Amino acid sequence: HHPSRKMGATISFESLLESDGIAVLETDPDVVAYWTQPETMTWREPDGRVRRYTPDVLVQMRSRREYREIKPAT
């Protein structure tokens, strides 16, 4: 868990890389708020298979809101 001044709570993470990403969000002055694993999106493929996807973070910036993935470069 990572303490968050911006969110006023302790934030959960799944890897050390995500912990580093949270630290970046905490120090970025353009980031107003963020939520880890904010929602699971579900859709059906044309062949009928159901797919699910959960983004790592939803970030509220001063001018926009965006989903972000925190993954290694390789």
Protein backbone atom coordinates (compact mmCIF):
# COMPACT_ATOMS: atom_id res chain seq x y z
CA HIS A 1 0.00 0.00 0.00
CA HIS A 2 1.15 3.53 -0.76
CA PRO A 3 0.06 6.55 1.32
CA SER A 4 -1.42 9.31 -0.85
CA ARG A 5 -1.64 12.95 0.09
CA LYS A 6 -3.62 13.76 -3.06
CA MET A 7 -6.23 11.10 -2.42
CA GLY A 8 -6.21 11.30 1.39
CA ALA A 9 -6.05 7.52 1.61
CA THR A 10 -3.78 4.54 1.27
CA ILE A 11 -3.58 3.34 -2.34
CA SER A 12 -3.18 -0.32 -3.26
CA PHE A 13 -0.79 -1.46 -5.97
CA GLU A 14 0.15 -4.81 -7.50
CA SER A 15 3.85 -4.36 -8.29
CA LEU A 16 6.87 -2.25 -7.44
CA LEU A 17 6.57 -0.63 -10.86
CA GLU A 18 3.01 0.45 -10.02
CA SER A 19 4.30 1.81 -6.71
CA ASP A 20 6.80 3.92 -8.66
CA GLY A 21 3.99 5.07 -10.97
CA ILE A 22 1.93 6.18 -7.99
CA ALA A 23 4.91 8.15 -6.67
CA VAL A 24 5.10 9.95 -10.04
CA LEU A 25 1.37 10.75 -9.91
CA GLU A 26 1.77 12.10 -6.37
CA THR A 27 4.48 14.55 -7.49
CA ASP A 28 3.01 15.61 -10.86
CA PRO A 29 1.46 19.07 -10.31
CA ASP A 30 -0.97 18.55 -13.24
CA VAL A 31 -2.49 15.46 -11.58
CA VAL A 32 -5.48 16.40 -9.41
CA ALA A 33 -6.58 12.86 -8.46
CA TYR A 34 -6.18 9.23 -9.50
CA TRP A 35 -7.79 5.86 -8.87
CA THR A 36 -6.10 2.48 -9.20
CA GLN A 37 -7.99 -0.26 -11.05
CA PRO A 38 -10.98 2.08 -11.33
CA GLU A 39 -13.35 -0.17 -13.29
CA THR A 40 -13.57 -3.28 -15.41
CA MET A 41 -14.77 -2.77 -18.98
CA THR A 42 -16.64 -5.64 -20.60
CA TRP A 43 -17.54 -6.18 -24.26
CA ARG A 44 -18.51 -8.98 -26.61
CA GLU A 45 -16.36 -9.84 -29.64
CA PRO A 46 -18.03 -10.51 -33.02
CA ASP A 47 -17.45 -14.24 -32.45
CA GLY A 48 -19.41 -14.07 -29.19
CA ARG A 49 -16.48 -14.21 -26.74
CA VAL A 50 -16.78 -11.89 -23.75
CA ARG A 51 -13.68 -9.80 -23.04
CA ARG A 52 -12.77 -7.89 -19.89
CA TYR A 53 -10.15 -5.24 -19.31
CA THR A 54 -9.22 -3.36 -16.13
CA PRO A 55 -6.90 -0.35 -16.59
CA ASP A 56 -4.17 0.24 -14.01
CA VAL A 57 -5.07 3.85 -13.22
CA LEU A 58 -7.64 6.53 -14.04
CA VAL A 59 -5.93 9.92 -13.79
CA GLN A 60 -7.77 13.23 -13.38
CA MET A 61 -5.55 15.98 -14.70
CA ARG A 62 -6.39 19.68 -14.60
CA SER A 63 -7.68 19.65 -18.19
CA ARG A 64 -8.64 16.04 -18.90
CA ARG A 65 -9.19 12.54 -17.55
CA GLU A 66 -7.31 9.53 -18.94
CA TYR A 67 -6.69 5.86 -18.32
CA ARG A 68 -3.07 4.77 -17.95
CA GLU A 69 -1.22 1.51 -17.96
CA ILE A 70 1.91 1.09 -15.86
CA LYS A 71 4.03 -1.51 -17.62
CA PRO A 72 7.76 -2.15 -18.16
CA ALA A 73 9.24 -0.74 -21.37
CA THR A 74 10.04 -4.22 -22.67
